[in-house]
N, C-alpha and C. Protein backbone atom coordinates (compact mmCIF):
# COMPACT_ATOMS: atom_id res chain seq x y z
N MET A 1 -158.33 -55.91 -23.88
CA MET A 1 -159.28 -55.16 -24.53
C MET A 1 -159.20 -53.83 -23.58
N LYS A 2 -160.06 -54.07 -22.41
CA LYS A 2 -159.91 -52.73 -21.46
C LYS A 2 -159.23 -52.13 -21.76
N ALA A 3 -157.55 -52.61 -21.46
CA ALA A 3 -156.38 -51.68 -21.57
C ALA A 3 -156.33 -50.70 -22.73
N ARG A 4 -156.40 -51.46 -24.13
CA ARG A 4 -156.88 -50.82 -25.57
C ARG A 4 -157.66 -49.86 -25.11
N THR A 5 -158.82 -49.49 -24.53
CA THR A 5 -160.20 -48.76 -24.81
C THR A 5 -159.43 -47.27 -24.17
N SER A 6 -158.91 -48.03 -22.85
CA SER A 6 -157.72 -47.27 -21.85
C SER A 6 -156.92 -46.14 -22.28
N LEU A 7 -156.28 -46.72 -22.86
CA LEU A 7 -154.86 -45.94 -24.17
C LEU A 7 -155.95 -45.52 -25.38
N ILE A 8 -157.54 -45.59 -25.44
CA ILE A 8 -157.67 -44.95 -26.66
C ILE A 8 -158.72 -43.89 -26.35
N LEU A 9 -158.65 -43.60 -25.50
CA LEU A 9 -159.49 -42.59 -24.36
C LEU A 9 -157.94 -41.67 -23.77
N LEU A 10 -157.50 -42.10 -23.05
CA LEU A 10 -156.63 -41.35 -22.84
C LEU A 10 -155.41 -40.24 -24.32
N LEU A 11 -155.44 -40.90 -24.99
CA LEU A 11 -154.72 -40.51 -26.47
C LEU A 11 -154.87 -38.77 -26.97
N PRO A 12 -156.39 -38.37 -26.74
CA PRO A 12 -156.79 -36.75 -27.01
C PRO A 12 -156.07 -36.30 -25.39
N TYR A 13 -155.65 -36.83 -24.03
CA TYR A 13 -154.89 -35.75 -23.73
C TYR A 13 -153.55 -35.58 -23.42
N LEU A 14 -153.30 -37.00 -24.00
CA LEU A 14 -151.97 -37.07 -23.98
C LEU A 14 -150.98 -36.56 -24.81
N SER A 15 -151.71 -36.14 -26.02
CA SER A 15 -150.97 -35.37 -27.53
C SER A 15 -151.91 -33.68 -27.23
N GLY A 16 -150.80 -32.96 -27.32
CA GLY A 16 -151.02 -31.30 -27.73
C GLY A 16 -150.27 -30.86 -28.13
N CYS A 17 -150.43 -29.60 -28.35
CA CYS A 17 -149.26 -28.61 -29.38
C CYS A 17 -147.94 -27.98 -27.92
N ALA A 18 -148.13 -28.89 -26.79
CA ALA A 18 -147.25 -27.96 -25.48
C ALA A 18 -145.85 -29.55 -25.85
N TYR A 19 -144.80 -28.72 -25.60
CA TYR A 19 -143.66 -29.91 -25.46
C TYR A 19 -142.75 -30.30 -24.22
N TYR A 20 -143.30 -31.41 -23.32
CA TYR A 20 -142.95 -31.60 -22.34
C TYR A 20 -141.94 -32.33 -21.33
N SER A 21 -141.01 -31.58 -21.17
CA SER A 21 -139.73 -32.22 -20.88
C SER A 21 -139.91 -32.38 -19.26
N PHE A 22 -139.33 -33.31 -19.13
CA PHE A 22 -138.68 -34.45 -17.46
C PHE A 22 -138.50 -33.13 -16.52
N SER A 23 -138.16 -31.97 -16.71
CA SER A 23 -137.64 -30.93 -15.96
C SER A 23 -138.79 -30.49 -15.30
N GLY A 24 -139.34 -30.20 -16.67
CA GLY A 24 -140.89 -29.82 -15.67
C GLY A 24 -141.58 -28.74 -17.04
N ALA A 25 -140.88 -28.05 -17.77
CA ALA A 25 -141.18 -27.52 -18.88
C ALA A 25 -141.75 -27.62 -20.05
N SER A 26 -142.77 -26.49 -19.78
CA SER A 26 -143.74 -26.96 -21.31
C SER A 26 -143.85 -25.73 -21.97
N ILE A 27 -143.39 -26.10 -23.15
CA ILE A 27 -142.42 -25.35 -24.29
C ILE A 27 -143.77 -25.29 -25.45
N PRO A 28 -144.88 -24.60 -26.29
CA PRO A 28 -145.58 -25.23 -27.03
C PRO A 28 -144.06 -25.37 -28.73
N SER A 29 -145.02 -26.50 -29.05
CA SER A 29 -143.96 -26.89 -30.44
C SER A 29 -143.93 -26.37 -31.55
N HIS A 30 -144.72 -24.79 -31.45
CA HIS A 30 -144.02 -24.00 -32.77
C HIS A 30 -142.71 -23.29 -32.15
N LEU A 31 -142.49 -23.03 -30.76
CA LEU A 31 -141.96 -22.21 -30.62
C LEU A 31 -140.03 -23.87 -30.81
N THR A 32 -139.23 -23.12 -31.38
CA THR A 32 -137.98 -23.86 -31.58
C THR A 32 -136.45 -23.09 -31.30
N THR A 33 -135.82 -22.04 -30.85
CA THR A 33 -135.24 -21.11 -30.88
C THR A 33 -135.34 -19.91 -29.82
N ILE A 34 -134.38 -19.91 -29.33
CA ILE A 34 -134.10 -19.09 -27.90
C ILE A 34 -132.79 -17.98 -28.06
N ALA A 35 -133.09 -16.70 -27.86
CA ALA A 35 -131.54 -16.17 -27.90
C ALA A 35 -131.60 -15.84 -26.83
N ILE A 36 -129.97 -15.60 -26.70
CA ILE A 36 -130.46 -15.12 -24.59
C ILE A 36 -129.06 -14.25 -24.80
N PRO A 37 -129.34 -13.19 -24.55
CA PRO A 37 -128.00 -11.82 -25.01
C PRO A 37 -127.34 -12.04 -23.29
N LEU A 38 -126.00 -11.69 -23.68
CA LEU A 38 -125.41 -11.16 -22.43
C LEU A 38 -126.53 -10.63 -21.14
N ALA A 39 -125.80 -11.28 -19.99
CA ALA A 39 -126.88 -10.13 -18.70
C ALA A 39 -126.49 -8.74 -19.18
N GLU A 40 -126.44 -7.87 -18.58
CA GLU A 40 -126.92 -6.76 -18.67
C GLU A 40 -126.65 -6.33 -16.98
N ASP A 41 -125.41 -6.19 -16.96
CA ASP A 41 -124.92 -5.82 -15.57
C ASP A 41 -125.37 -4.57 -14.26
N ARG A 42 -126.26 -3.84 -13.97
CA ARG A 42 -126.11 -2.66 -14.03
C ARG A 42 -126.60 -2.88 -12.20
N SER A 43 -126.07 -3.63 -11.83
CA SER A 43 -126.19 -3.80 -10.40
C SER A 43 -124.93 -2.70 -9.32
N LEU A 44 -123.86 -2.04 -10.57
CA LEU A 44 -123.14 -1.72 -8.97
C LEU A 44 -121.83 -2.25 -8.15
N GLY A 45 -122.29 -3.69 -8.16
CA GLY A 45 -121.65 -4.66 -7.41
C GLY A 45 -120.22 -4.42 -7.75
N PRO A 46 -118.81 -5.69 -6.60
CA PRO A 46 -118.20 -5.46 -6.71
C PRO A 46 -117.32 -6.98 -7.49
N LEU A 47 -118.49 -7.51 -8.28
CA LEU A 47 -118.31 -8.59 -8.70
C LEU A 47 -118.42 -8.57 -10.41
N THR A 48 -117.40 -8.84 -11.03
CA THR A 48 -117.21 -8.69 -12.09
C THR A 48 -118.45 -9.58 -12.82
N VAL A 49 -118.22 -10.98 -12.67
CA VAL A 49 -118.59 -12.10 -12.88
C VAL A 49 -119.64 -12.36 -13.35
N LEU A 50 -120.81 -11.73 -13.10
CA LEU A 50 -122.38 -12.20 -13.22
C LEU A 50 -123.20 -12.12 -14.09
N ASP A 51 -122.74 -10.99 -14.38
CA ASP A 51 -123.78 -11.16 -16.39
C ASP A 51 -123.33 -12.46 -16.96
N GLU A 52 -121.84 -12.56 -16.68
CA GLU A 52 -121.84 -14.23 -17.75
C GLU A 52 -122.19 -15.61 -16.98
N ALA A 53 -122.34 -14.90 -15.36
CA ALA A 53 -122.87 -16.13 -14.78
C ALA A 53 -124.36 -16.86 -15.00
N LEU A 54 -124.76 -15.25 -14.94
CA LEU A 54 -125.96 -15.57 -14.99
C LEU A 54 -126.76 -15.56 -16.87
N THR A 55 -125.63 -15.27 -17.81
CA THR A 55 -126.42 -15.89 -19.23
C THR A 55 -125.89 -17.33 -19.16
N GLU A 56 -124.86 -17.65 -18.26
CA GLU A 56 -124.26 -18.94 -18.29
C GLU A 56 -126.16 -20.57 -17.81
N PHE A 57 -126.00 -19.52 -16.57
CA PHE A 57 -126.89 -20.28 -15.77
C PHE A 57 -128.61 -20.50 -17.19
N LEU A 58 -128.75 -19.41 -17.64
CA LEU A 58 -129.82 -19.74 -18.33
C LEU A 58 -129.97 -19.91 -19.48
N ILE A 59 -128.38 -20.37 -20.10
CA ILE A 59 -128.48 -21.08 -21.25
C ILE A 59 -128.39 -22.51 -21.03
N GLU A 60 -128.65 -22.85 -20.03
CA GLU A 60 -128.37 -24.53 -18.69
C GLU A 60 -129.64 -24.74 -19.07
N ARG A 61 -130.40 -24.00 -18.47
CA ARG A 61 -132.14 -24.43 -18.27
C ARG A 61 -132.51 -24.33 -19.34
N PHE A 62 -132.81 -23.64 -20.81
CA PHE A 62 -133.52 -23.38 -21.22
C PHE A 62 -133.00 -24.09 -22.53
N VAL A 63 -131.22 -24.28 -22.64
CA VAL A 63 -130.86 -24.70 -23.97
C VAL A 63 -131.25 -26.34 -23.60
N ARG A 64 -130.15 -26.57 -22.31
CA ARG A 64 -129.75 -27.63 -21.91
C ARG A 64 -131.02 -29.26 -21.29
N GLN A 65 -131.55 -28.39 -20.34
CA GLN A 65 -133.13 -28.77 -20.56
C GLN A 65 -134.67 -28.79 -21.16
N THR A 66 -134.44 -28.23 -22.54
CA THR A 66 -136.03 -28.36 -22.89
C THR A 66 -134.90 -28.68 -25.09
N ARG A 67 -135.94 -28.76 -25.68
CA ARG A 67 -135.77 -29.46 -27.04
C ARG A 67 -135.10 -27.89 -27.73
N LEU A 68 -134.86 -26.84 -27.08
CA LEU A 68 -134.80 -25.23 -27.63
C LEU A 68 -133.43 -25.19 -28.28
N SER A 69 -133.39 -24.93 -29.30
CA SER A 69 -131.59 -24.32 -29.74
C SER A 69 -131.29 -23.14 -29.75
N LEU A 70 -130.12 -23.27 -29.21
CA LEU A 70 -130.07 -21.68 -29.18
C LEU A 70 -129.89 -20.76 -30.49
N VAL A 71 -129.45 -19.62 -30.62
CA VAL A 71 -129.22 -19.06 -32.04
C VAL A 71 -129.05 -17.52 -31.45
N GLU A 72 -128.27 -16.91 -32.03
CA GLU A 72 -127.62 -15.93 -31.68
C GLU A 72 -127.80 -14.67 -32.22
N ASN A 73 -128.98 -14.58 -33.75
CA ASN A 73 -129.41 -13.82 -33.75
C ASN A 73 -130.83 -13.56 -33.45
N GLU A 74 -130.69 -12.19 -32.32
CA GLU A 74 -131.99 -11.98 -32.01
C GLU A 74 -133.53 -12.09 -32.42
N ASP A 75 -133.03 -11.59 -34.04
CA ASP A 75 -134.38 -10.98 -34.84
C ASP A 75 -135.20 -12.65 -35.22
N GLU A 76 -133.80 -13.87 -35.59
CA GLU A 76 -134.20 -14.98 -35.78
C GLU A 76 -134.81 -15.63 -34.94
N ALA A 77 -134.63 -15.33 -33.52
CA ALA A 77 -135.12 -15.95 -32.48
C ALA A 77 -136.74 -16.27 -31.94
N ASP A 78 -137.92 -17.79 -31.83
CA ASP A 78 -138.92 -17.44 -31.80
C ASP A 78 -138.87 -16.46 -30.14
N ILE A 79 -137.66 -17.22 -29.52
CA ILE A 79 -138.29 -16.16 -28.29
C ILE A 79 -136.97 -15.79 -27.91
N LEU A 80 -137.45 -14.85 -27.03
CA LEU A 80 -135.99 -13.49 -26.50
C LEU A 80 -135.87 -13.34 -25.40
N LEU A 81 -135.35 -13.87 -24.65
CA LEU A 81 -135.08 -13.66 -23.30
C LEU A 81 -134.15 -12.50 -22.99
N THR A 82 -134.07 -11.74 -22.47
CA THR A 82 -133.19 -10.27 -22.40
C THR A 82 -133.54 -10.42 -20.43
N THR A 83 -131.82 -9.94 -19.78
CA THR A 83 -132.11 -10.09 -18.22
C THR A 83 -130.79 -8.63 -18.11
N GLN A 84 -131.29 -8.51 -16.69
CA GLN A 84 -130.50 -6.97 -16.32
C GLN A 84 -130.52 -7.60 -14.57
N ILE A 85 -128.92 -7.15 -14.19
CA ILE A 85 -129.35 -8.13 -12.87
C ILE A 85 -129.00 -5.84 -12.57
N THR A 86 -129.86 -5.74 -11.58
CA THR A 86 -130.22 -4.83 -11.45
C THR A 86 -130.29 -3.87 -9.57
N ARG A 87 -130.04 -5.20 -8.88
CA ARG A 87 -129.36 -4.80 -7.26
C ARG A 87 -128.36 -5.60 -6.54
N TYR A 88 -127.56 -5.32 -6.16
CA TYR A 88 -126.53 -6.48 -5.67
C TYR A 88 -126.33 -5.71 -3.74
N THR A 89 -126.98 -6.62 -3.00
CA THR A 89 -126.80 -5.65 -2.04
C THR A 89 -125.84 -6.73 -0.91
N ASN A 90 -124.90 -6.22 -0.30
CA ASN A 90 -124.29 -7.42 0.75
C ASN A 90 -124.75 -6.28 2.03
N VAL A 91 -125.17 -7.27 2.93
CA VAL A 91 -125.35 -6.15 4.91
C VAL A 91 -124.77 -7.78 6.02
N PRO A 92 -124.75 -7.05 6.76
CA PRO A 92 -124.48 -8.29 7.82
C PRO A 92 -126.08 -8.45 8.23
N THR A 93 -126.46 -9.67 8.96
CA THR A 93 -127.20 -10.69 8.93
C THR A 93 -126.91 -10.95 10.39
N SER A 94 -125.64 -10.97 10.95
CA SER A 94 -125.88 -11.10 12.67
C SER A 94 -124.48 -11.08 13.04
N VAL A 95 -123.67 -10.16 13.81
CA VAL A 95 -123.06 -9.54 14.37
C VAL A 95 -122.72 -10.20 15.76
N THR A 96 -121.08 -10.77 15.90
CA THR A 96 -120.50 -11.18 17.26
C THR A 96 -120.65 -10.20 18.28
N GLY A 97 -120.05 -10.72 19.32
CA GLY A 97 -119.74 -10.04 20.99
C GLY A 97 -118.44 -9.02 20.30
N GLN A 98 -117.87 -8.95 19.57
CA GLN A 98 -116.89 -8.26 19.30
C GLN A 98 -117.25 -6.82 18.02
N GLU A 99 -118.68 -7.12 18.05
CA GLU A 99 -119.61 -5.92 17.14
C GLU A 99 -118.73 -6.34 15.55
N ARG A 100 -118.68 -7.35 15.38
CA ARG A 100 -117.93 -7.42 13.84
C ARG A 100 -119.02 -9.28 13.55
N ALA A 101 -119.52 -8.58 11.70
CA ALA A 101 -120.49 -9.02 11.17
C ALA A 101 -119.76 -10.77 11.07
N GLN A 102 -121.01 -11.28 11.68
CA GLN A 102 -120.24 -12.98 11.41
C GLN A 102 -120.74 -13.81 10.02
N PHE A 103 -122.15 -12.56 9.53
CA PHE A 103 -122.77 -13.00 8.29
C PHE A 103 -122.96 -12.17 7.72
N ASN A 104 -122.69 -11.95 6.36
CA ASN A 104 -123.24 -11.09 5.40
C ASN A 104 -124.32 -11.94 4.43
N ARG A 105 -125.06 -11.27 4.25
CA ARG A 105 -126.50 -11.66 3.21
C ARG A 105 -126.53 -10.98 1.46
N ILE A 106 -126.34 -11.85 0.92
CA ILE A 106 -125.83 -10.71 -0.75
C ILE A 106 -127.22 -11.33 -1.09
N THR A 107 -127.98 -10.29 -1.82
CA THR A 107 -128.85 -9.97 -1.93
C THR A 107 -128.99 -9.72 -3.31
N LEU A 108 -129.00 -10.34 -4.31
CA LEU A 108 -129.52 -9.68 -6.14
C LEU A 108 -130.91 -9.49 -6.54
N SER A 109 -130.85 -8.85 -7.46
CA SER A 109 -132.56 -9.07 -8.56
C SER A 109 -132.06 -8.47 -9.56
N VAL A 110 -132.59 -9.81 -10.33
CA VAL A 110 -132.91 -9.41 -11.97
C VAL A 110 -133.85 -9.38 -12.61
N SER A 111 -134.00 -8.31 -13.11
CA SER A 111 -135.26 -7.87 -13.95
C SER A 111 -135.06 -8.40 -16.11
N ALA A 112 -136.32 -9.47 -16.19
CA ALA A 112 -136.34 -10.64 -17.05
C ALA A 112 -137.42 -10.21 -17.40
N GLN A 113 -137.33 -10.16 -18.70
CA GLN A 113 -137.56 -9.63 -20.01
C GLN A 113 -138.45 -11.11 -21.14
N TYR A 114 -139.32 -12.27 -21.37
CA TYR A 114 -139.44 -12.62 -22.26
C TYR A 114 -140.42 -12.98 -23.20
N ARG A 115 -139.80 -12.99 -24.49
CA ARG A 115 -140.41 -12.46 -25.48
C ARG A 115 -140.55 -13.41 -26.45
N ASN A 116 -142.05 -13.74 -26.77
CA ASN A 116 -142.55 -15.05 -27.94
C ASN A 116 -142.54 -14.25 -29.25
N GLN A 117 -141.89 -14.36 -29.77
CA GLN A 117 -141.38 -13.63 -31.17
C GLN A 117 -142.22 -13.89 -32.42
N VAL A 118 -142.87 -15.30 -32.17
CA VAL A 118 -143.81 -15.75 -33.32
C VAL A 118 -145.04 -15.29 -32.76
N ASP A 119 -145.86 -14.83 -31.47
CA ASP A 119 -147.05 -14.82 -31.00
C ASP A 119 -147.29 -13.31 -30.63
N ASP A 120 -145.94 -12.91 -30.40
CA ASP A 120 -145.82 -11.09 -30.16
C ASP A 120 -146.42 -11.22 -28.71
N ASP A 121 -145.75 -12.05 -28.12
CA ASP A 121 -146.44 -12.39 -26.12
C ASP A 121 -145.04 -11.65 -25.45
N VAL A 122 -145.04 -10.44 -24.29
CA VAL A 122 -143.99 -10.12 -23.55
C VAL A 122 -144.50 -10.35 -22.03
N LEU A 123 -143.73 -10.79 -21.79
CA LEU A 123 -143.78 -11.49 -20.24
C LEU A 123 -142.71 -10.46 -19.09
N GLU A 124 -142.60 -10.11 -18.32
CA GLU A 124 -142.07 -9.36 -18.07
C GLU A 124 -142.12 -9.49 -16.43
N ARG A 125 -141.34 -9.79 -15.35
CA ARG A 125 -140.64 -9.67 -14.14
C ARG A 125 -139.46 -9.71 -13.34
N THR A 126 -139.70 -9.16 -11.78
CA THR A 126 -138.50 -8.79 -11.61
C THR A 126 -138.20 -9.96 -10.72
N PHE A 127 -136.99 -10.72 -10.70
CA PHE A 127 -136.80 -12.17 -9.23
C PHE A 127 -135.71 -11.29 -8.65
N SER A 128 -135.91 -11.93 -7.43
CA SER A 128 -134.79 -11.73 -6.41
C SER A 128 -134.43 -13.27 -5.67
N SER A 129 -133.45 -12.83 -5.00
CA SER A 129 -132.73 -14.33 -4.10
C SER A 129 -131.81 -13.48 -3.41
N PHE A 130 -130.94 -14.96 -1.87
CA PHE A 130 -130.08 -14.28 -1.63
C PHE A 130 -129.26 -15.36 -0.63
N ASP A 131 -127.99 -15.46 -0.84
CA ASP A 131 -127.24 -16.47 0.01
C ASP A 131 -126.52 -15.52 1.08
N ASP A 132 -126.34 -16.43 1.95
CA ASP A 132 -125.44 -15.84 3.39
C ASP A 132 -124.41 -16.63 2.92
N TYR A 133 -123.13 -15.88 3.91
CA TYR A 133 -121.64 -16.30 3.29
C TYR A 133 -120.99 -16.24 5.11
N ASP A 134 -120.04 -16.14 5.63
CA ASP A 134 -119.16 -15.96 6.56
C ASP A 134 -117.94 -14.71 6.03
N PRO A 135 -118.18 -14.09 6.08
CA PRO A 135 -117.12 -12.59 5.75
C PRO A 135 -115.58 -12.71 6.32
N LEU A 136 -115.34 -13.30 7.49
CA LEU A 136 -114.45 -13.28 8.07
C LEU A 136 -114.00 -15.01 7.53
N GLU A 137 -113.94 -15.81 7.23
CA GLU A 137 -113.76 -17.38 6.86
C GLU A 137 -113.21 -17.47 5.19
N GLY A 138 -114.07 -16.85 4.44
CA GLY A 138 -114.15 -16.95 2.81
C GLY A 138 -113.65 -15.39 1.94
N GLY A 139 -114.09 -14.41 2.99
CA GLY A 139 -113.69 -13.11 2.28
C GLY A 139 -113.89 -13.32 0.46
N LEU A 140 -113.60 -12.54 -0.38
CA LEU A 140 -113.98 -12.45 -1.27
C LEU A 140 -114.74 -13.62 -2.15
N GLU A 141 -113.95 -14.32 -1.83
CA GLU A 141 -115.04 -15.79 -2.85
C GLU A 141 -115.89 -16.72 -2.20
N ALA A 142 -115.83 -15.95 -0.81
CA ALA A 142 -117.19 -16.69 0.13
C ALA A 142 -117.82 -15.62 -0.54
N GLU A 143 -117.55 -14.16 -0.68
CA GLU A 143 -119.42 -13.31 -1.26
C GLU A 143 -119.27 -13.93 -3.01
N GLU A 144 -118.61 -14.00 -3.93
CA GLU A 144 -118.69 -14.69 -4.95
C GLU A 144 -119.65 -15.56 -5.00
N THR A 145 -119.42 -17.14 -4.16
CA THR A 145 -119.91 -18.09 -4.01
C THR A 145 -121.09 -17.63 -3.21
N ALA A 146 -121.99 -16.85 -2.28
CA ALA A 146 -122.74 -16.76 -2.04
C ALA A 146 -124.13 -15.66 -3.82
N ALA A 147 -123.39 -15.32 -4.04
CA ALA A 147 -123.63 -14.07 -5.06
C ALA A 147 -124.14 -15.22 -6.11
N LEU A 148 -123.29 -16.11 -6.67
CA LEU A 148 -123.50 -17.24 -8.19
C LEU A 148 -124.73 -18.10 -7.28
N SER A 149 -124.68 -18.78 -6.07
CA SER A 149 -125.99 -19.12 -5.48
C SER A 149 -126.68 -18.62 -5.99
N ALA A 150 -127.40 -17.11 -5.37
CA ALA A 150 -128.97 -16.27 -5.71
C ALA A 150 -128.94 -15.56 -7.30
N LEU A 151 -127.61 -16.43 -7.83
CA LEU A 151 -128.01 -15.62 -9.16
C LEU A 151 -128.43 -17.83 -10.10
N SER A 152 -127.91 -18.22 -9.50
CA SER A 152 -128.79 -19.60 -9.79
C SER A 152 -130.38 -19.92 -9.32
N ASN A 153 -130.20 -19.75 -8.41
CA ASN A 153 -132.01 -19.55 -7.72
C ASN A 153 -132.74 -18.69 -9.06
N ILE A 154 -132.38 -17.51 -9.17
CA ILE A 154 -132.91 -16.60 -9.95
C ILE A 154 -133.44 -17.23 -10.81
N ALA A 155 -131.96 -18.40 -11.86
CA ALA A 155 -131.77 -18.67 -12.71
C ALA A 155 -133.60 -19.97 -12.58
N ASP A 156 -133.09 -20.38 -11.65
CA ASP A 156 -133.83 -21.59 -11.98
C ASP A 156 -135.93 -20.93 -11.86
N ASP A 157 -135.80 -20.34 -10.58
CA ASP A 157 -137.11 -18.90 -10.57
C ASP A 157 -137.41 -19.21 -11.87
N LEU A 158 -136.87 -17.96 -13.25
CA LEU A 158 -137.52 -17.29 -14.33
C LEU A 158 -137.35 -18.48 -15.08
N PHE A 159 -136.85 -19.71 -15.25
CA PHE A 159 -136.89 -20.63 -15.81
C PHE A 159 -138.38 -21.47 -15.69
N THR A 160 -138.46 -21.75 -14.22
CA THR A 160 -139.99 -22.48 -14.24
C THR A 160 -141.22 -21.68 -14.71
N ALA A 161 -141.01 -19.87 -14.30
CA ALA A 161 -141.90 -18.63 -14.77
C ALA A 161 -141.89 -19.01 -15.69
N ALA A 162 -141.09 -18.64 -16.58
CA ALA A 162 -140.80 -18.84 -18.46
C ALA A 162 -141.84 -19.73 -18.57
N THR A 163 -141.44 -21.36 -18.01
CA THR A 163 -142.17 -21.87 -19.03
C THR A 163 -143.55 -22.79 -18.04
N SER A 164 -144.27 -22.31 -16.89
CA SER A 164 -145.27 -22.42 -16.94
C SER A 164 -146.45 -20.95 -17.20
N ASN A 165 -146.08 -20.61 -18.24
CA ASN A 165 -145.82 -19.07 -18.87
C ASN A 165 -146.28 -17.89 -18.13
N TRP A 166 -145.28 -17.80 -16.76
CA TRP A 166 -145.07 -16.75 -16.35
C TRP A 166 -146.29 -17.17 -14.89
């Protein structure tokens, strides 16, 4: 009897208009589709894979970790997520005794606009992350790995911010 009463008292708190997934994402139930156009790379960095990588990271989080369906037509989407990679820096963080860079730091910044086209809400924010690499050991491949790691962190931060109402 006590269990039934407890359940009845908890039902109003368990139901609601938001969707909750095991990733912690909370998305209102009336929003079902998202458009994520190819990220625009305005950074002038040397790597050509960043725009596609960021877009794929965002699709992974917003489509595969929620109930949202990806649509191509931006006008038909309930949510429109647009991103621009605005900054790419690669600077030494430590120097050896021979005055050579022992580690370099890749820092990326991404400007994002999350538009709820149903409720006409727009959220804009800039996200930044970095990762270090050894330029003597890995060269361009290590630089790319560090950049992709920074972008993955940005995608995580953006997903968390957007699904918790920024």
